[in-house]
């Protein structure tokens, strides 16, 4: 599942709306799986932002890769 999220995170071009929606859904599912399977794991703030807030960012700006550090 992670391999499907990374290309959208790194894409330095506008992401089509259907891909944005798929990314947001997959990221939410991925976080849920991590939390369920590894309840003791600590997620870094950067990973938290990418997985929990990148979908909202995509909907608003159309890309995450254009705004990477």
PDB file of N, CA and C in Angstrom:
ATOM      1  N   UNK A   1       0.832  -1.186   0.000  1.00  0.00           N
ATOM      2  CA  UNK A   1       0.000   0.000   0.000  1.00  0.00           C
ATOM      3  C   UNK A   1       0.882   1.258   0.000  1.00  0.00           C
ATOM      4  N   UNK A   2       1.992   1.215   0.752  1.00  0.00           N
ATOM      5  CA  UNK A   2       2.889   2.371   0.797  1.00  0.00           C
ATOM      6  C   UNK A   2       3.419   2.693  -0.594  1.00  0.00           C
ATOM      7  N   UNK A   3       3.734   1.669  -1.371  1.00  0.00           N
ATOM      8  CA  UNK A   3       4.265   1.887  -2.726  1.00  0.00           C
ATOM      9  C   UNK A   3       3.265   2.633  -3.608  1.00  0.00           C
ATOM     10  N   UNK A   4       1.985   2.506  -3.320  1.00  0.00           N
ATOM     11  CA  UNK A   4       0.976   3.241  -4.080  1.00  0.00           C
ATOM     12  C   UNK A   4       0.828   4.684  -3.634  1.00  0.00           C
ATOM     13  N   UNK A   5       1.241   4.998  -2.403  1.00  0.00           N
ATOM     14  CA  UNK A   5       1.130   6.363  -1.880  1.00  0.00           C
ATOM     15  C   UNK A   5       2.306   7.242  -2.289  1.00  0.00           C
ATOM     16  N   UNK A   6       3.492   6.674  -2.342  1.00  0.00           N
ATOM     17  CA  UNK A   6       4.699   7.455  -2.582  1.00  0.00           C
ATOM     18  C   UNK A   6       4.681   8.215  -3.915  1.00  0.00           C
ATOM     19  N   UNK A   7       4.276   7.614  -5.036  1.00  0.00           N
ATOM     20  CA  UNK A   7       4.293   8.381  -6.284  1.00  0.00           C
ATOM     21  C   UNK A   7       3.440   9.654  -6.225  1.00  0.00           C
ATOM     22  N   UNK A   8       2.308   9.596  -5.557  1.00  0.00           N
ATOM     23  CA  UNK A   8       1.464  10.777  -5.450  1.00  0.00           C
ATOM     24  C   UNK A   8       2.132  11.824  -4.574  1.00  0.00           C
ATOM     25  N   UNK A   9       2.785  11.396  -3.505  1.00  0.00           N
ATOM     26  CA  UNK A   9       3.482  12.340  -2.637  1.00  0.00           C
ATOM     27  C   UNK A   9       4.611  13.050  -3.360  1.00  0.00           C
ATOM     28  N   UNK A  10       5.303  12.348  -4.240  1.00  0.00           N
ATOM     29  CA  UNK A  10       6.472  12.892  -4.921  1.00  0.00           C
ATOM     30  C   UNK A  10       6.170  13.551  -6.255  1.00  0.00           C
ATOM     31  N   UNK A  11       4.942  13.470  -6.732  1.00  0.00           N
ATOM     32  CA  UNK A  11       4.595  14.003  -8.040  1.00  0.00           C
ATOM     33  C   UNK A  11       4.642  15.534  -8.023  1.00  0.00           C
ATOM     34  N   UNK A  12       5.506  16.102  -8.847  1.00  0.00           N
ATOM     35  CA  UNK A  12       5.640  17.558  -8.921  1.00  0.00           C
ATOM     36  C   UNK A  12       4.795  18.110 -10.063  1.00  0.00           C
ATOM     37  N   UNK A  13       3.568  17.683 -10.119  1.00  0.00           N
ATOM     38  CA  UNK A  13       2.618  18.157 -11.124  1.00  0.00           C
ATOM     39  C   UNK A  13       1.227  18.047 -10.526  1.00  0.00           C
ATOM     40  N   UNK A  14       0.270  18.659 -11.163  1.00  0.00           N
ATOM     41  CA  UNK A  14      -1.097  18.604 -10.685  1.00  0.00           C
ATOM     42  C   UNK A  14      -1.582  17.156 -10.664  1.00  0.00           C
ATOM     43  N   UNK A  15      -2.194  16.758  -9.573  1.00  0.00           N
ATOM     44  CA  UNK A  15      -2.742  15.415  -9.417  1.00  0.00           C
ATOM     45  C   UNK A  15      -4.223  15.446  -9.758  1.00  0.00           C
ATOM     46  N   UNK A  16      -4.670  14.615 -10.693  1.00  0.00           N
ATOM     47  CA  UNK A  16      -6.094  14.584 -11.040  1.00  0.00           C
ATOM     48  C   UNK A  16      -6.965  14.270  -9.825  1.00  0.00           C
ATOM     49  N   UNK A  17      -8.183  14.776  -9.833  1.00  0.00           N
ATOM     50  CA  UNK A  17      -9.097  14.668  -8.691  1.00  0.00           C
ATOM     51  C   UNK A  17      -9.346  13.214  -8.272  1.00  0.00           C
ATOM     52  N   UNK A  18      -9.502  12.303  -9.233  1.00  0.00           N
ATOM     53  CA  UNK A  18      -9.744  10.910  -8.860  1.00  0.00           C
ATOM     54  C   UNK A  18      -8.545  10.312  -8.125  1.00  0.00           C
ATOM     55  N   UNK A  19      -7.321  10.688  -8.528  1.00  0.00           N
ATOM     56  CA  UNK A  19      -6.121  10.219  -7.833  1.00  0.00           C
ATOM     57  C   UNK A  19      -6.012  10.849  -6.449  1.00  0.00           C
ATOM     58  N   UNK A  20      -6.443  12.097  -6.325  1.00  0.00           N
ATOM     59  CA  UNK A  20      -6.444  12.755  -5.022  1.00  0.00           C
ATOM     60  C   UNK A  20      -7.349  12.007  -4.051  1.00  0.00           C
ATOM     61  N   UNK A  21      -8.530  11.675  -4.516  1.00  0.00           N
ATOM     62  CA  UNK A  21      -9.482  10.964  -3.666  1.00  0.00           C
ATOM     63  C   UNK A  21      -8.973   9.573  -3.308  1.00  0.00           C
ATOM     64  N   UNK A  22      -8.368   8.891  -4.273  1.00  0.00           N
ATOM     65  CA  UNK A  22      -7.816   7.563  -4.008  1.00  0.00           C
ATOM     66  C   UNK A  22      -6.678   7.649  -2.998  1.00  0.00           C
ATOM     67  N   UNK A  23      -5.818   8.658  -3.162  1.00  0.00           N
ATOM     68  CA  UNK A  23      -4.710   8.839  -2.225  1.00  0.00           C
ATOM     69  C   UNK A  23      -5.227   9.068  -0.807  1.00  0.00           C
ATOM     70  N   UNK A  24      -6.186   9.962  -0.646  1.00  0.00           N
ATOM     71  CA  UNK A  24      -6.722  10.270   0.682  1.00  0.00           C
ATOM     72  C   UNK A  24      -7.308   9.013   1.329  1.00  0.00           C
ATOM     73  N   UNK A  25      -8.028   8.238   0.558  1.00  0.00           N
ATOM     74  CA  UNK A  25      -8.621   7.004   1.066  1.00  0.00           C
ATOM     75  C   UNK A  25      -7.546   5.993   1.445  1.00  0.00           C
ATOM     76  N   UNK A  26      -6.561   5.800   0.572  1.00  0.00           N
ATOM     77  CA  UNK A  26      -5.489   4.836   0.840  1.00  0.00           C
ATOM     78  C   UNK A  26      -4.638   5.256   2.039  1.00  0.00           C
ATOM     79  N   UNK A  27      -4.363   6.553   2.162  1.00  0.00           N
ATOM     80  CA  UNK A  27      -3.560   7.039   3.287  1.00  0.00           C
ATOM     81  C   UNK A  27      -4.287   6.779   4.606  1.00  0.00           C
ATOM     82  N   UNK A  28      -5.584   7.040   4.625  1.00  0.00           N
ATOM     83  CA  UNK A  28      -6.370   6.806   5.840  1.00  0.00           C
ATOM     84  C   UNK A  28      -6.363   5.308   6.199  1.00  0.00           C
ATOM     85  N   UNK A  29      -6.515   4.464   5.202  1.00  0.00           N
ATOM     86  CA  UNK A  29      -6.478   3.017   5.419  1.00  0.00           C
ATOM     87  C   UNK A  29      -5.109   2.579   5.917  1.00  0.00           C
ATOM     88  N   UNK A  30      -4.049   3.116   5.312  1.00  0.00           N
ATOM     89  CA  UNK A  30      -2.681   2.772   5.682  1.00  0.00           C
ATOM     90  C   UNK A  30      -2.405   3.136   7.138  1.00  0.00           C
ATOM     91  N   UNK A  31      -2.819   4.318   7.556  1.00  0.00           N
ATOM     92  CA  UNK A  31      -2.622   4.737   8.946  1.00  0.00           C
ATOM     93  C   UNK A  31      -3.384   3.815   9.887  1.00  0.00           C
ATOM     94  N   UNK A  32      -4.606   3.463   9.533  1.00  0.00           N
ATOM     95  CA  UNK A  32      -5.385   2.542  10.353  1.00  0.00           C
ATOM     96  C   UNK A  32      -4.712   1.192  10.500  1.00  0.00           C
ATOM     97  N   UNK A  33      -4.156   0.684   9.413  1.00  0.00           N
ATOM     98  CA  UNK A  33      -3.437  -0.591   9.464  1.00  0.00           C
ATOM     99  C   UNK A  33      -2.203  -0.501  10.350  1.00  0.00           C
ATOM    100  N   UNK A  34      -1.445   0.588  10.205  1.00  0.00           N
ATOM    101  CA  UNK A  34      -0.262   0.773  11.052  1.00  0.00           C
ATOM    102  C   UNK A  34      -0.647   0.799  12.526  1.00  0.00           C
ATOM    103  N   UNK A  35      -1.684   1.554  12.845  1.00  0.00           N
ATOM    104  CA  UNK A  35      -2.102   1.679  14.237  1.00  0.00           C
ATOM    105  C   UNK A  35      -2.601   0.349  14.796  1.00  0.00           C
ATOM    106  N   UNK A  36      -3.291  -0.420  13.984  1.00  0.00           N
ATOM    107  CA  UNK A  36      -3.824  -1.697  14.445  1.00  0.00           C
ATOM    108  C   UNK A  36      -2.727  -2.747  14.603  1.00  0.00           C
ATOM    109  N   UNK A  37      -1.834  -2.827  13.630  1.00  0.00           N
ATOM    110  CA  UNK A  37      -0.808  -3.867  13.639  1.00  0.00           C
ATOM    111  C   UNK A  37       0.372  -3.548  14.545  1.00  0.00           C
ATOM    112  N   UNK A  38       0.670  -2.261  14.716  1.00  0.00           N
ATOM    113  CA  UNK A  38       1.827  -1.846  15.509  1.00  0.00           C
ATOM    114  C   UNK A  38       1.412  -0.762  16.505  1.00  0.00           C
ATOM    115  N   UNK A  39       0.631  -1.115  17.523  1.00  0.00           N
ATOM    116  CA  UNK A  39       0.120  -0.096  18.447  1.00  0.00           C
ATOM    117  C   UNK A  39       1.216   0.618  19.246  1.00  0.00           C
ATOM    118  N   UNK A  40       2.386   0.028  19.334  1.00  0.00           N
ATOM    119  CA  UNK A  40       3.478   0.618  20.107  1.00  0.00           C
ATOM    120  C   UNK A  40       4.330   1.580  19.283  1.00  0.00           C
ATOM    121  N   UNK A  41       4.129   1.609  17.983  1.00  0.00           N
ATOM    122  CA  UNK A  41       4.977   2.402  17.104  1.00  0.00           C
ATOM    123  C   UNK A  41       4.701   3.902  17.276  1.00  0.00           C
ATOM    124  N   UNK A  42       5.755   4.695  17.208  1.00  0.00           N
ATOM    125  CA  UNK A  42       5.637   6.146  17.217  1.00  0.00           C
ATOM    126  C   UNK A  42       5.840   6.640  15.794  1.00  0.00           C
ATOM    127  N   UNK A  43       4.903   7.411  15.311  1.00  0.00           N
ATOM    128  CA  UNK A  43       4.996   7.943  13.950  1.00  0.00           C
ATOM    129  C   UNK A  43       5.568   9.346  14.017  1.00  0.00           C
ATOM    130  N   UNK A  44       6.554   9.613  13.174  1.00  0.00           N
ATOM    131  CA  UNK A  44       7.189  10.928  13.165  1.00  0.00           C
ATOM    132  C   UNK A  44       6.179  11.995  12.747  1.00  0.00           C
ATOM    133  N   UNK A  45       6.411  13.235  13.169  1.00  0.00           N
ATOM    134  CA  UNK A  45       5.504  14.318  12.767  1.00  0.00           C
ATOM    135  C   UNK A  45       5.400  14.471  11.246  1.00  0.00           C
ATOM    136  N   UNK A  46       6.507  14.261  10.538  1.00  0.00           N
ATOM    137  CA  UNK A  46       6.479  14.406   9.079  1.00  0.00           C
ATOM    138  C   UNK A  46       5.610  13.317   8.448  1.00  0.00           C
ATOM    139  N   UNK A  47       5.763  12.089   8.896  1.00  0.00           N
ATOM    140  CA  UNK A  47       4.937  11.004   8.369  1.00  0.00           C
ATOM    141  C   UNK A  47       3.476  11.228   8.732  1.00  0.00           C
ATOM    142  N   UNK A  48       3.224  11.697   9.932  1.00  0.00           N
ATOM    143  CA  UNK A  48       1.851  12.016  10.337  1.00  0.00           C
ATOM    144  C   UNK A  48       1.247  13.060   9.394  1.00  0.00           C
ATOM    145  N   UNK A  49       1.994  14.119   9.133  1.00  0.00           N
ATOM    146  CA  UNK A  49       1.476  15.160   8.234  1.00  0.00           C
ATOM    147  C   UNK A  49       1.203  14.623   6.842  1.00  0.00           C
ATOM    148  N   UNK A  50       2.131  13.840   6.307  1.00  0.00           N
ATOM    149  CA  UNK A  50       1.921  13.298   4.970  1.00  0.00           C
ATOM    150  C   UNK A  50       0.713  12.381   4.910  1.00  0.00           C
ATOM    151  N   UNK A  51       0.576  11.514   5.886  1.00  0.00           N
ATOM    152  CA  UNK A  51      -0.482  10.526   5.820  1.00  0.00           C
ATOM    153  C   UNK A  51      -1.835  11.040   6.292  1.00  0.00           C
ATOM    154  N   UNK A  52      -1.839  11.943   7.227  1.00  0.00           N
ATOM    155  CA  UNK A  52      -3.117  12.410   7.777  1.00  0.00           C
ATOM    156  C   UNK A  52      -3.604  13.720   7.171  1.00  0.00           C
ATOM    157  N   UNK A  53      -2.693  14.510   6.606  1.00  0.00           N
ATOM    158  CA  UNK A  53      -3.089  15.823   6.112  1.00  0.00           C
ATOM    159  C   UNK A  53      -2.787  16.047   4.624  1.00  0.00           C
ATOM    160  N   UNK A  54      -2.025  15.155   4.016  1.00  0.00           N
ATOM    161  CA  UNK A  54      -1.662  15.342   2.609  1.00  0.00           C
ATOM    162  C   UNK A  54      -2.885  15.287   1.694  1.00  0.00           C
ATOM    163  N   UNK A  55      -3.878  14.469   2.045  1.00  0.00           N
ATOM    164  CA  UNK A  55      -5.103  14.410   1.240  1.00  0.00           C
ATOM    165  C   UNK A  55      -5.803  15.754   1.187  1.00  0.00           C
ATOM    166  N   UNK A  56      -5.914  16.423   2.337  1.00  0.00           N
ATOM    167  CA  UNK A  56      -6.521  17.750   2.382  1.00  0.00           C
ATOM    168  C   UNK A  56      -5.695  18.738   1.579  1.00  0.00           C
ATOM    169  N   UNK A  57      -4.371  18.629   1.710  1.00  0.00           N
ATOM    170  CA  UNK A  57      -3.463  19.499   0.968  1.00  0.00           C
ATOM    171  C   UNK A  57      -3.634  19.304  -0.536  1.00  0.00           C
ATOM    172  N   UNK A  58      -3.745  18.039  -0.963  1.00  0.00           N
ATOM    173  CA  UNK A  58      -3.963  17.740  -2.380  1.00  0.00           C
ATOM    174  C   UNK A  58      -5.252  18.368  -2.889  1.00  0.00           C
ATOM    175  N   UNK A  59      -6.329  18.227  -2.118  1.00  0.00           N
ATOM    176  CA  UNK A  59      -7.618  18.786  -2.541  1.00  0.00           C
ATOM    177  C   UNK A  59      -7.530  20.308  -2.692  1.00  0.00           C
ATOM    178  N   UNK A  60      -6.757  20.928  -1.828  1.00  0.00           N
ATOM    179  CA  UNK A  60      -6.683  22.387  -1.858  1.00  0.00           C
ATOM    180  C   UNK A  60      -5.729  22.918  -2.931  1.00  0.00           C
ATOM    181  N   UNK A  61      -4.539  22.293  -3.065  1.00  0.00           N
ATOM    182  CA  UNK A  61      -3.513  22.828  -3.950  1.00  0.00           C
ATOM    183  C   UNK A  61      -3.229  21.974  -5.182  1.00  0.00           C
ATOM    184  N   UNK A  62      -3.727  20.745  -5.226  1.00  0.00           N
ATOM    185  CA  UNK A  62      -3.559  19.905  -6.407  1.00  0.00           C
ATOM    186  C   UNK A  62      -2.282  19.116  -6.499  1.00  0.00           C
ATOM    187  N   UNK A  63      -1.338  19.340  -5.561  1.00  0.00           N
ATOM    188  CA  UNK A  63      -0.070  18.599  -5.596  1.00  0.00           C
ATOM    189  C   UNK A  63       0.623  18.728  -4.246  1.00  0.00           C
ATOM    190  N   UNK A  64       1.363  17.718  -3.865  1.00  0.00           N
ATOM    191  CA  UNK A  64       2.233  17.839  -2.704  1.00  0.00           C
ATOM    192  C   UNK A  64       3.677  18.012  -3.168  1.00  0.00           C
ATOM    193  N   UNK A  65       4.025  17.373  -4.268  1.00  0.00           N
ATOM    194  CA  UNK A  65       5.398  17.428  -4.782  1.00  0.00           C
ATOM    195  C   UNK A  65       5.853  18.816  -5.166  1.00  0.00           C
ATOM    196  N   UNK A  66       4.947  19.693  -5.543  1.00  0.00           N
ATOM    197  CA  UNK A  66       5.315  21.066  -5.895  1.00  0.00           C
ATOM    198  C   UNK A  66       5.702  21.884  -4.671  1.00  0.00           C
ATOM    199  N   UNK A  67       5.317  21.421  -3.489  1.00  0.00           N
ATOM    200  CA  UNK A  67       5.531  22.189  -2.267  1.00  0.00           C
ATOM    201  C   UNK A  67       6.429  21.482  -1.272  1.00  0.00           C
ATOM    202  N   UNK A  68       7.225  20.520  -1.739  1.00  0.00           N
ATOM    203  CA  UNK A  68       8.136  19.777  -0.865  1.00  0.00           C
ATOM    204  C   UNK A  68       9.255  20.705  -0.424  1.00  0.00           C
ATOM    205  N   UNK A  69       9.811  20.381   0.718  1.00  0.00           N
ATOM    206  CA  UNK A  69      10.897  21.179   1.271  1.00  0.00           C
ATOM    207  C   UNK A  69      11.760  21.664   0.175  1.00  0.00           C
TER     208      UNK A  69
END
